[in-house]
Amino acid sequence: MDKSVTLWEKIKALLIKLKEYFLTPRFLICFLLAWLITNGWSYIGAFLGRLLHIEWLTNISLAWLAMLWLPFTPEKIITFMIAMVFSRLFFPKDEKTFNMLAELKKKAAIKKKPQQ
């Protein structure tokens, strides 16, 4: 019986580690703030624009929302990057989380082949 770790087990372990980072209350606060910066304002603007009959606010908000729903929009990547920056800014003493991310980064790094 082969005792080597299968690809599925490696992916499962990675997902558990990522869940430990992304589903903490600290990160969720940072993600909410980042989401408000990238998307949330447009949902709020579309609602308030319709409610208060502010046509320009409604139009700008809906145009941004239409762009967000296009395929291949990198909005979530940008939102996560902003949230990670906020996490560093707002919670700089959360060493456990940052050490875990550094460990994951080392594991994900592609080793370069030596030049011949």
PDB file of N, CA and C in Angstrom:
ATOM      1  N   MET A   1       0.839  -1.177   0.000  1.00  0.00           N
ATOM      2  CA  MET A   1       0.000   0.000   0.000  1.00  0.00           C
ATOM      3  C   MET A   1       0.886   1.243   0.000  1.00  0.00           C
ATOM      4  N   ASP A   2       0.613   2.160  -0.910  1.00  0.00           N
ATOM      5  CA  ASP A   2       1.414   3.363  -1.065  1.00  0.00           C
ATOM      6  C   ASP A   2       1.035   4.387   0.000  1.00  0.00           C
ATOM      7  N   LYS A   3       2.038   4.870   0.737  1.00  0.00           N
ATOM      8  CA  LYS A   3       1.770   5.824   1.809  1.00  0.00           C
ATOM      9  C   LYS A   3       1.965   7.273   1.356  1.00  0.00           C
ATOM     10  N   SER A   4       2.221   7.466   0.090  1.00  0.00           N
ATOM     11  CA  SER A   4       2.417   8.839  -0.396  1.00  0.00           C
ATOM     12  C   SER A   4       1.098   9.607  -0.355  1.00  0.00           C
ATOM     13  N   VAL A   5       1.214  10.908  -0.192  1.00  0.00           N
ATOM     14  CA  VAL A   5       0.040  11.766  -0.088  1.00  0.00           C
ATOM     15  C   VAL A   5      -0.500  12.017  -1.491  1.00  0.00           C
ATOM     16  N   THR A   6      -1.787  11.807  -1.648  1.00  0.00           N
ATOM     17  CA  THR A   6      -2.392  12.009  -2.954  1.00  0.00           C
ATOM     18  C   THR A   6      -2.619  13.493  -3.201  1.00  0.00           C
ATOM     19  N   LEU A   7      -2.854  13.831  -4.437  1.00  0.00           N
ATOM     20  CA  LEU A   7      -3.117  15.221  -4.812  1.00  0.00           C
ATOM     21  C   LEU A   7      -4.365  15.729  -4.102  1.00  0.00           C
ATOM     22  N   TRP A   8      -5.385  14.904  -4.011  1.00  0.00           N
ATOM     23  CA  TRP A   8      -6.622  15.315  -3.344  1.00  0.00           C
ATOM     24  C   TRP A   8      -6.374  15.642  -1.872  1.00  0.00           C
ATOM     25  N   GLU A   9      -5.552  14.854  -1.202  1.00  0.00           N
ATOM     26  CA  GLU A   9      -5.237  15.111   0.203  1.00  0.00           C
ATOM     27  C   GLU A   9      -4.470  16.411   0.370  1.00  0.00           C
ATOM     28  N   LYS A  10      -3.571  16.720  -0.582  1.00  0.00           N
ATOM     29  CA  LYS A  10      -2.841  17.984  -0.543  1.00  0.00           C
ATOM     30  C   LYS A  10      -3.787  19.171  -0.738  1.00  0.00           C
ATOM     31  N   ILE A  11      -4.711  19.042  -1.685  1.00  0.00           N
ATOM     32  CA  ILE A  11      -5.678  20.116  -1.941  1.00  0.00           C
ATOM     33  C   ILE A  11      -6.580  20.301  -0.728  1.00  0.00           C
ATOM     34  N   LYS A  12      -7.006  19.208  -0.136  1.00  0.00           N
ATOM     35  CA  LYS A  12      -7.865  19.272   1.049  1.00  0.00           C
ATOM     36  C   LYS A  12      -7.157  19.970   2.206  1.00  0.00           C
ATOM     37  N   ALA A  13      -5.889  19.644   2.420  1.00  0.00           N
ATOM     38  CA  ALA A  13      -5.108  20.282   3.489  1.00  0.00           C
ATOM     39  C   ALA A  13      -4.937  21.776   3.213  1.00  0.00           C
ATOM     40  N   LEU A  14      -4.709  22.134   1.955  1.00  0.00           N
ATOM     41  CA  LEU A  14      -4.576  23.543   1.591  1.00  0.00           C
ATOM     42  C   LEU A  14      -5.874  24.302   1.831  1.00  0.00           C
ATOM     43  N   LEU A  15      -6.987  23.701   1.457  1.00  0.00           N
ATOM     44  CA  LEU A  15      -8.281  24.355   1.660  1.00  0.00           C
ATOM     45  C   LEU A  15      -8.589  24.555   3.143  1.00  0.00           C
ATOM     46  N   ILE A  16      -8.213  23.596   3.961  1.00  0.00           N
ATOM     47  CA  ILE A  16      -8.419  23.737   5.410  1.00  0.00           C
ATOM     48  C   ILE A  16      -7.578  24.889   5.948  1.00  0.00           C
ATOM     49  N   LYS A  17      -6.322  24.992   5.491  1.00  0.00           N
ATOM     50  CA  LYS A  17      -5.453  26.092   5.923  1.00  0.00           C
ATOM     51  C   LYS A  17      -6.030  27.439   5.473  1.00  0.00           C
ATOM     52  N   LEU A  18      -6.480  27.508   4.229  1.00  0.00           N
ATOM     53  CA  LEU A  18      -7.041  28.763   3.718  1.00  0.00           C
ATOM     54  C   LEU A  18      -8.312  29.141   4.473  1.00  0.00           C
ATOM     55  N   LYS A  19      -9.110  28.146   4.820  1.00  0.00           N
ATOM     56  CA  LYS A  19     -10.324  28.414   5.591  1.00  0.00           C
ATOM     57  C   LYS A  19      -9.972  28.993   6.949  1.00  0.00           C
ATOM     58  N   GLU A  20      -8.906  28.477   7.557  1.00  0.00           N
ATOM     59  CA  GLU A  20      -8.468  28.998   8.854  1.00  0.00           C
ATOM     60  C   GLU A  20      -8.085  30.468   8.765  1.00  0.00           C
ATOM     61  N   TYR A  21      -7.581  30.897   7.622  1.00  0.00           N
ATOM     62  CA  TYR A  21      -7.201  32.303   7.460  1.00  0.00           C
ATOM     63  C   TYR A  21      -8.389  33.177   7.055  1.00  0.00           C
ATOM     64  N   PHE A  22      -9.118  32.737   6.040  1.00  0.00           N
ATOM     65  CA  PHE A  22     -10.158  33.593   5.459  1.00  0.00           C
ATOM     66  C   PHE A  22     -11.444  33.644   6.269  1.00  0.00           C
ATOM     67  N   LEU A  23     -11.681  32.694   7.145  1.00  0.00           N
ATOM     68  CA  LEU A  23     -12.926  32.709   7.909  1.00  0.00           C
ATOM     69  C   LEU A  23     -12.720  33.123   9.367  1.00  0.00           C
ATOM     70  N   THR A  24     -11.722  33.951   9.595  1.00  0.00           N
ATOM     71  CA  THR A  24     -11.545  34.513  10.930  1.00  0.00           C
ATOM     72  C   THR A  24     -12.320  35.822  11.014  1.00  0.00           C
ATOM     73  N   PRO A  25     -12.772  36.193  12.193  1.00  0.00           N
ATOM     74  CA  PRO A  25     -13.502  37.459  12.323  1.00  0.00           C
ATOM     75  C   PRO A  25     -12.685  38.661  11.868  1.00  0.00           C
ATOM     76  N   ARG A  26     -11.388  38.643  12.116  1.00  0.00           N
ATOM     77  CA  ARG A  26     -10.535  39.757  11.700  1.00  0.00           C
ATOM     78  C   ARG A  26     -10.515  39.905  10.188  1.00  0.00           C
ATOM     79  N   PHE A  27     -10.329  38.789   9.504  1.00  0.00           N
ATOM     80  CA  PHE A  27     -10.271  38.881   8.046  1.00  0.00           C
ATOM     81  C   PHE A  27     -11.634  39.218   7.466  1.00  0.00           C
ATOM     82  N   LEU A  28     -12.695  38.706   8.057  1.00  0.00           N
ATOM     83  CA  LEU A  28     -14.029  39.013   7.545  1.00  0.00           C
ATOM     84  C   LEU A  28     -14.340  40.504   7.659  1.00  0.00           C
ATOM     85  N   ILE A  29     -13.874  41.155   8.718  1.00  0.00           N
ATOM     86  CA  ILE A  29     -14.041  42.613   8.840  1.00  0.00           C
ATOM     87  C   ILE A  29     -13.275  43.316   7.718  1.00  0.00           C
ATOM     88  N   CYS A  30     -12.053  42.892   7.486  1.00  0.00           N
ATOM     89  CA  CYS A  30     -11.234  43.490   6.426  1.00  0.00           C
ATOM     90  C   CYS A  30     -11.844  43.236   5.057  1.00  0.00           C
ATOM     91  N   PHE A  31     -12.377  42.027   4.852  1.00  0.00           N
ATOM     92  CA  PHE A  31     -12.988  41.707   3.569  1.00  0.00           C
ATOM     93  C   PHE A  31     -14.247  42.548   3.342  1.00  0.00           C
ATOM     94  N   LEU A  32     -15.038  42.743   4.393  1.00  0.00           N
ATOM     95  CA  LEU A  32     -16.241  43.561   4.262  1.00  0.00           C
ATOM     96  C   LEU A  32     -15.874  44.984   3.859  1.00  0.00           C
ATOM     97  N   LEU A  33     -14.866  45.546   4.471  1.00  0.00           N
ATOM     98  CA  LEU A  33     -14.429  46.892   4.128  1.00  0.00           C
ATOM     99  C   LEU A  33     -13.908  46.947   2.690  1.00  0.00           C
ATOM    100  N   ALA A  34     -13.130  45.966   2.298  1.00  0.00           N
ATOM    101  CA  ALA A  34     -12.614  45.914   0.924  1.00  0.00           C
ATOM    102  C   ALA A  34     -13.762  45.741  -0.073  1.00  0.00           C
ATOM    103  N   TRP A  35     -14.743  44.926   0.270  1.00  0.00           N
ATOM    104  CA  TRP A  35     -15.887  44.727  -0.608  1.00  0.00           C
ATOM    105  C   TRP A  35     -16.684  46.019  -0.766  1.00  0.00           C
ATOM    106  N   LEU A  36     -16.824  46.770   0.324  1.00  0.00           N
ATOM    107  CA  LEU A  36     -17.529  48.054   0.232  1.00  0.00           C
ATOM    108  C   LEU A  36     -16.799  49.014  -0.701  1.00  0.00           C
ATOM    109  N   ILE A  37     -15.488  48.962  -0.698  1.00  0.00           N
ATOM    110  CA  ILE A  37     -14.703  49.839  -1.573  1.00  0.00           C
ATOM    111  C   ILE A  37     -14.845  49.424  -3.032  1.00  0.00           C
ATOM    112  N   THR A  38     -14.798  48.130  -3.312  1.00  0.00           N
ATOM    113  CA  THR A  38     -14.827  47.683  -4.707  1.00  0.00           C
ATOM    114  C   THR A  38     -16.235  47.510  -5.271  1.00  0.00           C
ATOM    115  N   ASN A  39     -17.180  47.032  -4.464  1.00  0.00           N
ATOM    116  CA  ASN A  39     -18.521  46.710  -4.977  1.00  0.00           C
ATOM    117  C   ASN A  39     -19.647  47.368  -4.208  1.00  0.00           C
ATOM    118  N   GLY A  40     -19.536  47.344  -2.908  1.00  0.00           N
ATOM    119  CA  GLY A  40     -20.649  47.709  -2.042  1.00  0.00           C
ATOM    120  C   GLY A  40     -21.213  49.087  -2.318  1.00  0.00           C
ATOM    121  N   TRP A  41     -20.334  50.028  -2.641  1.00  0.00           N
ATOM    122  CA  TRP A  41     -20.808  51.373  -2.917  1.00  0.00           C
ATOM    123  C   TRP A  41     -21.790  51.388  -4.086  1.00  0.00           C
ATOM    124  N   SER A  42     -21.567  50.505  -5.064  1.00  0.00           N
ATOM    125  CA  SER A  42     -22.443  50.510  -6.243  1.00  0.00           C
ATOM    126  C   SER A  42     -23.821  49.932  -5.914  1.00  0.00           C
ATOM    127  N   TYR A  43     -23.872  48.912  -5.069  1.00  0.00           N
ATOM    128  CA  TYR A  43     -25.170  48.382  -4.648  1.00  0.00           C
ATOM    129  C   TYR A  43     -25.927  49.424  -3.822  1.00  0.00           C
ATOM    130  N   ILE A  44     -25.212  50.062  -2.899  1.00  0.00           N
ATOM    131  CA  ILE A  44     -25.832  51.109  -2.083  1.00  0.00           C
ATOM    132  C   ILE A  44     -26.263  52.283  -2.957  1.00  0.00           C
ATOM    133  N   GLY A  45     -25.394  52.670  -3.902  1.00  0.00           N
ATOM    134  CA  GLY A  45     -25.716  53.777  -4.804  1.00  0.00           C
ATOM    135  C   GLY A  45     -26.907  53.485  -5.697  1.00  0.00           C
ATOM    136  N   ALA A  46     -26.995  52.257  -6.192  1.00  0.00           N
ATOM    137  CA  ALA A  46     -28.139  51.895  -7.041  1.00  0.00           C
ATOM    138  C   ALA A  46     -29.434  51.941  -6.228  1.00  0.00           C
ATOM    139  N   PHE A  47     -29.381  51.455  -5.009  1.00  0.00           N
ATOM    140  CA  PHE A  47     -30.571  51.467  -4.165  1.00  0.00           C
ATOM    141  C   PHE A  47     -30.972  52.900  -3.795  1.00  0.00           C
ATOM    142  N   LEU A  48     -30.009  53.679  -3.308  1.00  0.00           N
ATOM    143  CA  LEU A  48     -30.333  55.055  -2.911  1.00  0.00           C
ATOM    144  C   LEU A  48     -30.690  55.925  -4.107  1.00  0.00           C
ATOM    145  N   GLY A  49     -30.042  55.693  -5.240  1.00  0.00           N
ATOM    146  CA  GLY A  49     -30.364  56.456  -6.445  1.00  0.00           C
ATOM    147  C   GLY A  49     -31.804  56.242  -6.878  1.00  0.00           C
ATOM    148  N   ARG A  50     -32.236  55.005  -6.836  1.00  0.00           N
ATOM    149  CA  ARG A  50     -33.642  54.704  -7.173  1.00  0.00           C
ATOM    150  C   ARG A  50     -34.596  55.266  -6.132  1.00  0.00           C
ATOM    151  N   LEU A  51     -34.233  55.100  -4.872  1.00  0.00           N
ATOM    152  CA  LEU A  51     -35.094  55.534  -3.782  1.00  0.00           C
ATOM    153  C   LEU A  51     -35.254  57.049  -3.751  1.00  0.00           C
ATOM    154  N   LEU A  52     -34.155  57.766  -3.962  1.00  0.00           N
ATOM    155  CA  LEU A  52     -34.172  59.223  -3.871  1.00  0.00           C
ATOM    156  C   LEU A  52     -34.288  59.915  -5.228  1.00  0.00           C
ATOM    157  N   HIS A  53     -34.466  59.137  -6.282  1.00  0.00           N
ATOM    158  CA  HIS A  53     -34.630  59.657  -7.650  1.00  0.00           C
ATOM    159  C   HIS A  53     -33.429  60.495  -8.076  1.00  0.00           C
ATOM    160  N   ILE A  54     -32.226  59.963  -7.812  1.00  0.00           N
ATOM    161  CA  ILE A  54     -30.977  60.603  -8.245  1.00  0.00           C
ATOM    162  C   ILE A  54     -30.479  59.799  -9.446  1.00  0.00           C
ATOM    163  N   GLU A  55     -30.771  60.311 -10.637  1.00  0.00           N
ATOM    164  CA  GLU A  55     -30.539  59.548 -11.854  1.00  0.00           C
ATOM    165  C   GLU A  55     -29.055  59.272 -12.105  1.00  0.00           C
ATOM    166  N   TRP A  56     -28.198  60.259 -11.882  1.00  0.00           N
ATOM    167  CA  TRP A  56     -26.781  60.065 -12.159  1.00  0.00           C
ATOM    168  C   TRP A  56     -26.178  59.003 -11.241  1.00  0.00           C
ATOM    169  N   LEU A  57     -26.600  58.976  -9.985  1.00  0.00           N
ATOM    170  CA  LEU A  57     -26.091  57.981  -9.036  1.00  0.00           C
ATOM    171  C   LEU A  57     -26.543  56.579  -9.443  1.00  0.00           C
ATOM    172  N   THR A  58     -27.782  56.465  -9.847  1.00  0.00           N
ATOM    173  CA  THR A  58     -28.306  55.181 -10.310  1.00  0.00           C
ATOM    174  C   THR A  58     -27.546  54.702 -11.544  1.00  0.00           C
ATOM    175  N   ASN A  59     -27.335  55.600 -12.498  1.00  0.00           N
ATOM    176  CA  ASN A  59     -26.660  55.219 -13.747  1.00  0.00           C
ATOM    177  C   ASN A  59     -25.215  54.794 -13.519  1.00  0.00           C
ATOM    178  N   ILE A  60     -24.488  55.560 -12.721  1.00  0.00           N
ATOM    179  CA  ILE A  60     -23.089  55.208 -12.454  1.00  0.00           C
ATOM    180  C   ILE A  60     -23.009  53.873 -11.703  1.00  0.00           C
ATOM    181  N   SER A  61     -23.863  53.701 -10.723  1.00  0.00           N
ATOM    182  CA  SER A  61     -23.853  52.470  -9.930  1.00  0.00           C
ATOM    183  C   SER A  61     -24.198  51.253 -10.783  1.00  0.00           C
ATOM    184  N   LEU A  62     -25.219  51.379 -11.601  1.00  0.00           N
ATOM    185  CA  LEU A  62     -25.611  50.245 -12.450  1.00  0.00           C
ATOM    186  C   LEU A  62     -24.578  49.959 -13.524  1.00  0.00           C
ATOM    187  N   ALA A  63     -23.907  50.985 -14.023  1.00  0.00           N
ATOM    188  CA  ALA A  63     -22.841  50.756 -15.006  1.00  0.00           C
ATOM    189  C   ALA A  63     -21.689  49.979 -14.363  1.00  0.00           C
ATOM    190  N   TRP A  64     -21.323  50.343 -13.144  1.00  0.00           N
ATOM    191  CA  TRP A  64     -20.258  49.620 -12.443  1.00  0.00           C
ATOM    192  C   TRP A  64     -20.675  48.172 -12.172  1.00  0.00           C
ATOM    193  N   LEU A  65     -21.923  47.992 -11.743  1.00  0.00           N
ATOM    194  CA  LEU A  65     -22.411  46.639 -11.489  1.00  0.00           C
ATOM    195  C   LEU A  65     -22.428  45.800 -12.760  1.00  0.00           C
ATOM    196  N   ALA A  66     -22.796  46.414 -13.875  1.00  0.00           N
ATOM    197  CA  ALA A  66     -22.786  45.678 -15.142  1.00  0.00           C
ATOM    198  C   ALA A  66     -21.365  45.232 -15.493  1.00  0.00           C
ATOM    199  N   MET A  67     -20.396  46.088 -15.241  1.00  0.00           N
ATOM    200  CA  MET A  67     -19.015  45.715 -15.518  1.00  0.00           C
ATOM    201  C   MET A  67     -18.558  44.580 -14.596  1.00  0.00           C
ATOM    202  N   LEU A  68     -19.002  44.609 -13.340  1.00  0.00           N
ATOM    203  CA  LEU A  68     -18.605  43.561 -12.395  1.00  0.00           C
ATOM    204  C   LEU A  68     -19.133  42.190 -12.794  1.00  0.00           C
ATOM    205  N   TRP A  69     -20.265  42.160 -13.447  1.00  0.00           N
ATOM    206  CA  TRP A  69     -20.875  40.880 -13.793  1.00  0.00           C
ATOM    207  C   TRP A  69     -20.401  40.346 -15.140  1.00  0.00           C
ATOM    208  N   LEU A  70     -19.474  41.052 -15.791  1.00  0.00           N
ATOM    209  CA  LEU A  70     -18.890  40.533 -17.019  1.00  0.00           C
ATOM    210  C   LEU A  70     -17.985  39.342 -16.698  1.00  0.00           C
ATOM    211  N   PRO A  71     -17.864  38.410 -17.624  1.00  0.00           N
ATOM    212  CA  PRO A  71     -16.947  37.285 -17.379  1.00  0.00           C
ATOM    213  C   PRO A  71     -15.503  37.782 -17.268  1.00  0.00           C
ATOM    214  N   PHE A  72     -14.736  37.131 -16.467  1.00  0.00           N
ATOM    215  CA  PHE A  72     -13.299  37.379 -16.302  1.00  0.00           C
ATOM    216  C   PHE A  72     -12.984  38.734 -15.670  1.00  0.00           C
ATOM    217  N   THR A  73     -13.906  39.301 -14.924  1.00  0.00           N
ATOM    218  CA  THR A  73     -13.608  40.531 -14.201  1.00  0.00           C
ATOM    219  C   THR A  73     -12.764  40.166 -12.981  1.00  0.00           C
ATOM    220  N   PRO A  74     -11.598  40.803 -12.812  1.00  0.00           N
ATOM    221  CA  PRO A  74     -10.703  40.426 -11.700  1.00  0.00           C
ATOM    222  C   PRO A  74     -11.085  41.071 -10.370  1.00  0.00           C
ATOM    223  N   GLU A  75     -12.323  41.411 -10.208  1.00  0.00           N
ATOM    224  CA  GLU A  75     -12.782  42.142  -9.028  1.00  0.00           C
ATOM    225  C   GLU A  75     -12.542  41.369  -7.739  1.00  0.00           C
ATOM    226  N   LYS A  76     -12.814  40.086  -7.699  1.00  0.00           N
ATOM    227  CA  LYS A  76     -12.631  39.311  -6.465  1.00  0.00           C
ATOM    228  C   LYS A  76     -11.151  39.223  -6.091  1.00  0.00           C
ATOM    229  N   ILE A  77     -10.298  39.093  -7.062  1.00  0.00           N
ATOM    230  CA  ILE A  77      -8.866  39.057  -6.788  1.00  0.00           C
ATOM    231  C   ILE A  77      -8.433  40.374  -6.158  1.00  0.00           C
ATOM    232  N   ILE A  78      -8.889  41.471  -6.725  1.00  0.00           N
ATOM    233  CA  ILE A  78      -8.551  42.790  -6.192  1.00  0.00           C
ATOM    234  C   ILE A  78      -9.137  42.967  -4.797  1.00  0.00           C
ATOM    235  N   THR A  79     -10.366  42.515  -4.592  1.00  0.00           N
ATOM    236  CA  THR A  79     -11.001  42.627  -3.281  1.00  0.00           C
ATOM    237  C   THR A  79     -10.218  41.851  -2.232  1.00  0.00           C
ATOM    238  N   PHE A  80      -9.780  40.632  -2.553  1.00  0.00           N
ATOM    239  CA  PHE A  80      -8.993  39.845  -1.605  1.00  0.00           C
ATOM    240  C   PHE A  80      -7.644  40.496  -1.331  1.00  0.00           C
ATOM    241  N   MET A  81      -7.022  41.070  -2.355  1.00  0.00           N
ATOM    242  CA  MET A  81      -5.737  41.743  -2.146  1.00  0.00           C
ATOM    243  C   MET A  81      -5.907  42.940  -1.212  1.00  0.00           C
ATOM    244  N   ILE A  82      -6.938  43.733  -1.425  1.00  0.00           N
ATOM    245  CA  ILE A  82      -7.203  44.877  -0.547  1.00  0.00           C
ATOM    246  C   ILE A  82      -7.482  44.395   0.872  1.00  0.00           C
ATOM    247  N   ALA A  83      -8.249  43.329   1.003  1.00  0.00           N
ATOM    248  CA  ALA A  83      -8.559  42.790   2.335  1.00  0.00           C
ATOM    249  C   ALA A  83      -7.296  42.312   3.041  1.00  0.00           C
ATOM    250  N   MET A  84      -6.384  41.709   2.314  1.00  0.00           N
ATOM    251  CA  MET A  84      -5.145  41.257   2.922  1.00  0.00           C
ATOM    252  C   MET A  84      -4.284  42.441   3.372  1.00  0.00           C
ATOM    253  N   VAL A  85      -4.276  43.507   2.588  1.00  0.00           N
ATOM    254  CA  VAL A  85      -3.553  44.722   2.986  1.00  0.00           C
ATOM    255  C   VAL A  85      -4.187  45.312   4.238  1.00  0.00           C
ATOM    256  N   PHE A  86      -5.517  45.382   4.257  1.00  0.00           N
ATOM    257  CA  PHE A  86      -6.212  45.890   5.445  1.00  0.00           C
ATOM    258  C   PHE A  86      -5.918  45.020   6.665  1.00  0.00           C
ATOM    259  N   SER A  87      -5.833  43.723   6.451  1.00  0.00           N
ATOM    260  CA  SER A  87      -5.535  42.812   7.550  1.00  0.00           C
ATOM    261  C   SER A  87      -4.166  43.136   8.156  1.00  0.00           C
ATOM    262  N   ARG A  88      -3.197  43.410   7.295  1.00  0.00           N
ATOM    263  CA  ARG A  88      -1.864  43.799   7.774  1.00  0.00           C
ATOM    264  C   ARG A  88      -1.894  45.144   8.481  1.00  0.00           C
ATOM    265  N   LEU A  89      -2.680  46.088   7.944  1.00  0.00           N
ATOM    266  CA  LEU A  89      -2.734  47.430   8.540  1.00  0.00           C
ATOM    267  C   LEU A  89      -3.479  47.458   9.865  1.00  0.00           C
ATOM    268  N   PHE A  90      -4.624  46.794   9.923  1.00  0.00           N
ATOM    269  CA  PHE A  90      -5.485  46.873  11.099  1.00  0.00           C
ATOM    270  C   PHE A  90      -5.088  45.906  12.214  1.00  0.00           C
ATOM    271  N   PHE A  91      -4.488  44.777  11.839  1.00  0.00           N
ATOM    272  CA  PHE A  91      -4.122  43.752  12.823  1.00  0.00           C
ATOM    273  C   PHE A  91      -2.661  43.341  12.638  1.00  0.00           C
ATOM    274  N   PRO A  92      -1.713  44.266  12.866  1.00  0.00           N
ATOM    275  CA  PRO A  92      -0.299  43.948  12.588  1.00  0.00           C
ATOM    276  C   PRO A  92       0.307  42.926  13.545  1.00  0.00           C
ATOM    277  N   LYS A  93      -0.324  42.678  14.686  1.00  0.00           N
ATOM    278  CA  LYS A  93       0.240  41.744  15.663  1.00  0.00           C
ATOM    279  C   LYS A  93      -0.329  40.329  15.540  1.00  0.00           C
ATOM    280  N   ASP A  94      -1.065  40.076  14.480  1.00  0.00           N
ATOM    281  CA  ASP A  94      -1.647  38.750  14.260  1.00  0.00           C
ATOM    282  C   ASP A  94      -0.605  37.857  13.581  1.00  0.00           C
ATOM    283  N   GLU A  95       0.441  37.533  14.323  1.00  0.00           N
ATOM    284  CA  GLU A  95       1.569  36.776  13.774  1.00  0.00           C
ATOM    285  C   GLU A  95       1.185  35.356  13.359  1.00  0.00           C
ATOM    286  N   LYS A  96       0.267  34.749  14.055  1.00  0.00           N
ATOM    287  CA  LYS A  96      -0.143  33.379  13.731  1.00  0.00           C
ATOM    288  C   LYS A  96      -0.651  33.300  12.291  1.00  0.00           C
ATOM    289  N   THR A  97      -1.493  34.233  11.933  1.00  0.00           N
ATOM    290  CA  THR A  97      -2.059  34.244  10.588  1.00  0.00           C
ATOM    291  C   THR A  97      -0.986  34.521   9.542  1.00  0.00           C
ATOM    292  N   PHE A  98      -0.123  35.504   9.800  1.00  0.00           N
ATOM    293  CA  PHE A  98       0.888  35.857   8.813  1.00  0.00           C
ATOM    294  C   PHE A  98       1.946  34.776   8.659  1.00  0.00           C
ATOM    295  N   ASN A  99       2.265  34.079   9.742  1.00  0.00           N
ATOM    296  CA  ASN A  99       3.200  32.955   9.638  1.00  0.00           C
ATOM    297  C   ASN A  99       2.600  31.827   8.812  1.00  0.00           C
ATOM    298  N   MET A 100       1.301  31.574   8.983  1.00  0.00           N
ATOM    299  CA  MET A 100       0.641  30.539   8.208  1.00  0.00           C
ATOM    300  C   MET A 100       0.655  30.905   6.719  1.00  0.00           C
ATOM    301  N   LEU A 101       0.394  32.179   6.401  1.00  0.00           N
ATOM    302  CA  LEU A 101       0.421  32.611   5.006  1.00  0.00           C
ATOM    303  C   LEU A 101       1.826  32.506   4.415  1.00  0.00           C
ATOM    304  N   ALA A 102       2.836  32.847   5.192  1.00  0.00           N
ATOM    305  CA  ALA A 102       4.214  32.738   4.720  1.00  0.00           C
ATOM    306  C   ALA A 102       4.571  31.280   4.438  1.00  0.00           C
ATOM    307  N   GLU A 103       4.103  30.391   5.290  1.00  0.00           N
ATOM    308  CA  GLU A 103       4.342  28.956   5.093  1.00  0.00           C
ATOM    309  C   GLU A 103       3.664  28.469   3.811  1.00  0.00           C
ATOM    310  N   LEU A 104       2.425  28.901   3.596  1.00  0.00           N
ATOM    311  CA  LEU A 104       1.718  28.511   2.371  1.00  0.00           C
ATOM    312  C   LEU A 104       2.410  29.081   1.132  1.00  0.00           C
ATOM    313  N   LYS A 105       2.923  30.293   1.256  1.00  0.00           N
ATOM    314  CA  LYS A 105       3.616  30.916   0.124  1.00  0.00           C
ATOM    315  C   LYS A 105       4.877  30.137  -0.231  1.00  0.00           C
ATOM    316  N   LYS A 106       5.614  29.692   0.790  1.00  0.00           N
ATOM    317  CA  LYS A 106       6.819  28.908   0.542  1.00  0.00           C
ATOM    318  C   LYS A 106       6.487  27.597  -0.164  1.00  0.00           C
ATOM    319  N   LYS A 107       5.389  26.960   0.274  1.00  0.00           N
ATOM    320  CA  LYS A 107       4.996  25.692  -0.340  1.00  0.00           C
ATOM    321  C   LYS A 107       4.544  25.878  -1.785  1.00  0.00           C
ATOM    322  N   ALA A 108       3.941  27.039  -2.074  1.00  0.00           N
ATOM    323  CA  ALA A 108       3.415  27.281  -3.410  1.00  0.00           C
ATOM    324  C   ALA A 108       4.473  27.794  -4.375  1.00  0.00           C
ATOM    325  N   ALA A 109       5.606  28.205  -3.866  1.00  0.00           N
ATOM    326  CA  ALA A 109       6.656  28.772  -4.721  1.00  0.00           C
ATOM    327  C   ALA A 109       7.170  27.721  -5.693  1.00  0.00           C
ATOM    328  N   ILE A 110       7.345  28.149  -6.905  1.00  0.00           N
ATOM    329  CA  ILE A 110       7.871  27.244  -7.929  1.00  0.00           C
ATOM    330  C   ILE A 110       9.386  27.337  -7.890  1.00  0.00           C
ATOM    331  N   LYS A 111      10.005  26.194  -7.740  1.00  0.00           N
ATOM    332  CA  LYS A 111      11.459  26.178  -7.688  1.00  0.00           C
ATOM    333  C   LYS A 111      12.000  26.263  -9.109  1.00  0.00           C
ATOM    334  N   LYS A 112      12.945  27.198  -9.271  1.00  0.00           N
ATOM    335  CA  LYS A 112      13.554  27.391 -10.594  1.00  0.00           C
ATOM    336  C   LYS A 112      14.590  26.305 -10.839  1.00  0.00           C
ATOM    337  N   LYS A 113      14.671  25.895 -12.091  1.00  0.00           N
ATOM    338  CA  LYS A 113      15.688  24.939 -12.470  1.00  0.00           C
ATOM    339  C   LYS A 113      17.027  25.676 -12.585  1.00  0.00           C
ATOM    340  N   PRO A 114      18.109  25.036 -12.189  1.00  0.00           N
ATOM    341  CA  PRO A 114      19.409  25.696 -12.317  1.00  0.00           C
ATOM    342  C   PRO A 114      19.778  25.901 -13.794  1.00  0.00           C
ATOM    343  N   GLN A 115      20.454  27.022 -14.063  1.00  0.00           N
ATOM    344  CA  GLN A 115      20.909  27.317 -15.434  1.00  0.00           C
ATOM    345  C   GLN A 115      22.022  26.367 -15.817  1.00  0.00           C
ATOM    346  N   GLN A 116      22.010  25.932 -17.074  1.00  0.00           N
ATOM    347  CA  GLN A 116      23.052  25.002 -17.545  1.00  0.00           C
ATOM    348  C   GLN A 116      24.076  25.741 -18.342  1.00  0.00           C
TER     349      GLN A 116
END
